[in-house]
Amino acid sequence: MIHYPEGRGYARSEELVRLLRAVGTAEVETRPVRYAVDRQSIRYFHAADREVTGTISDLVGGGGRATVSDFTFFRPSPRDGTIEVWLP
């Protein structure tokens, strides 16, 4: 899931969708949000998904790595394999 600021960020989110699909990501969704984050970040919700966040960070980092956050504590937990990318 790629979250991007409403009113801007759509083009960047679609660029990331293409990149993620090119490397074999089966399902990529985008969602506009009403608030912007200060930094690009990646959230994972299951320990088994931690390893892949480094690869995703490299892809979406745009020259700098995104902050990776452990959300395994979050409840209710989304389905396995859910990783969120938040764009500033």
Protein backbone atom coordinates (compact mmCIF):
# COMPACT_ATOMS: atom_id res chain seq x y z
CA MET A 1 0.00 0.00 0.00
CA ILE A 2 1.43 3.36 -1.03
CA HIS A 3 0.05 6.37 0.85
CA TYR A 4 0.63 9.76 -0.75
CA PRO A 5 -0.51 13.30 0.15
CA GLU A 6 -3.85 14.25 -1.36
CA GLY A 7 -3.44 16.88 -4.07
CA ARG A 8 0.16 15.94 -4.80
CA GLY A 9 2.22 12.82 -4.92
CA TYR A 10 0.02 10.83 -7.30
CA ALA A 11 2.65 10.76 -10.07
CA ARG A 12 5.34 9.54 -7.64
CA SER A 13 3.01 6.87 -6.27
CA GLU A 14 2.31 5.56 -9.78
CA GLU A 15 6.04 5.53 -10.52
CA LEU A 16 6.57 3.37 -7.44
CA VAL A 17 3.73 1.06 -8.48
CA ARG A 18 5.52 0.45 -11.79
CA LEU A 19 8.85 -0.19 -10.02
CA LEU A 20 7.34 -2.61 -7.50
CA ARG A 21 5.44 -4.52 -10.17
CA ALA A 22 8.59 -4.73 -12.31
CA VAL A 23 10.37 -6.59 -9.50
CA GLY A 24 7.49 -9.02 -9.06
CA THR A 25 5.26 -7.51 -6.39
CA ALA A 26 1.90 -9.18 -6.94
CA GLU A 27 -0.41 -6.52 -5.53
CA VAL A 28 0.20 -2.80 -5.10
CA GLU A 29 -2.49 -0.34 -3.99
CA THR A 30 -2.33 3.43 -3.67
CA ARG A 31 -4.28 5.67 -1.33
CA PRO A 32 -4.34 9.46 -1.01
CA VAL A 33 -4.22 10.75 2.56
CA ARG A 34 -5.22 14.15 3.91
CA TYR A 35 -2.05 14.70 5.89
CA ALA A 36 1.58 14.57 4.85
CA VAL A 37 4.36 12.79 6.68
CA ASP A 38 7.67 14.57 7.21
CA ARG A 39 9.80 11.73 5.87
CA GLN A 40 9.37 8.86 3.52
CA SER A 41 8.76 5.74 5.56
CA ILE A 42 7.98 2.05 5.26
CA ARG A 43 5.93 0.09 7.78
CA TYR A 44 5.79 -3.67 8.14
CA PHE A 45 3.31 -5.55 10.31
CA HIS A 46 4.66 -9.12 10.43
CA ALA A 47 8.19 -10.21 11.37
CA ALA A 48 8.39 -12.33 8.22
CA ASP A 49 8.07 -9.16 6.11
CA ARG A 50 11.02 -7.34 7.72
CA GLU A 51 13.63 -8.64 5.28
CA VAL A 52 11.86 -7.40 2.15
CA THR A 53 11.56 -3.86 3.51
CA GLY A 54 15.25 -3.25 2.78
CA THR A 55 14.69 -4.01 -0.90
CA ILE A 56 11.60 -1.83 -0.99
CA SER A 57 13.48 0.95 0.78
CA ASP A 58 16.18 0.82 -1.89
CA LEU A 59 13.56 1.02 -4.65
CA VAL A 60 11.53 3.88 -3.22
CA GLY A 61 14.35 5.76 -1.54
CA GLY A 62 15.10 8.08 -4.43
CA GLY A 63 18.79 8.21 -3.60
CA GLY A 64 18.27 8.01 0.17
CA ARG A 65 16.84 5.15 2.16
CA ALA A 66 13.40 5.46 3.63
CA THR A 67 12.86 5.02 7.36
CA VAL A 68 11.70 1.47 8.13
CA SER A 69 9.31 1.08 11.08
CA ASP A 70 8.33 -2.09 12.92
CA PHE A 71 4.53 -2.12 13.36
CA THR A 72 4.27 -5.74 14.50
CA PHE A 73 2.55 -4.43 17.65
CA PHE A 74 -0.32 -2.91 15.64
CA ARG A 75 -3.77 -4.48 16.14
CA PRO A 76 -5.78 -5.50 14.34
CA SER A 77 -2.93 -6.77 12.24
CA PRO A 78 -3.39 -6.47 8.46
CA ARG A 79 -3.03 -9.57 6.30
CA ASP A 80 0.39 -11.20 5.91
CA GLY A 81 2.60 -9.48 3.35
CA THR A 82 1.12 -6.02 3.92
CA ILE A 83 3.77 -3.33 3.74
CA GLU A 84 2.94 0.37 3.72
CA VAL A 85 4.98 3.06 2.00
CA TRP A 86 4.27 6.62 3.16
CA LEU A 87 5.37 9.43 0.85
CA PRO A 88 5.92 13.01 2.07
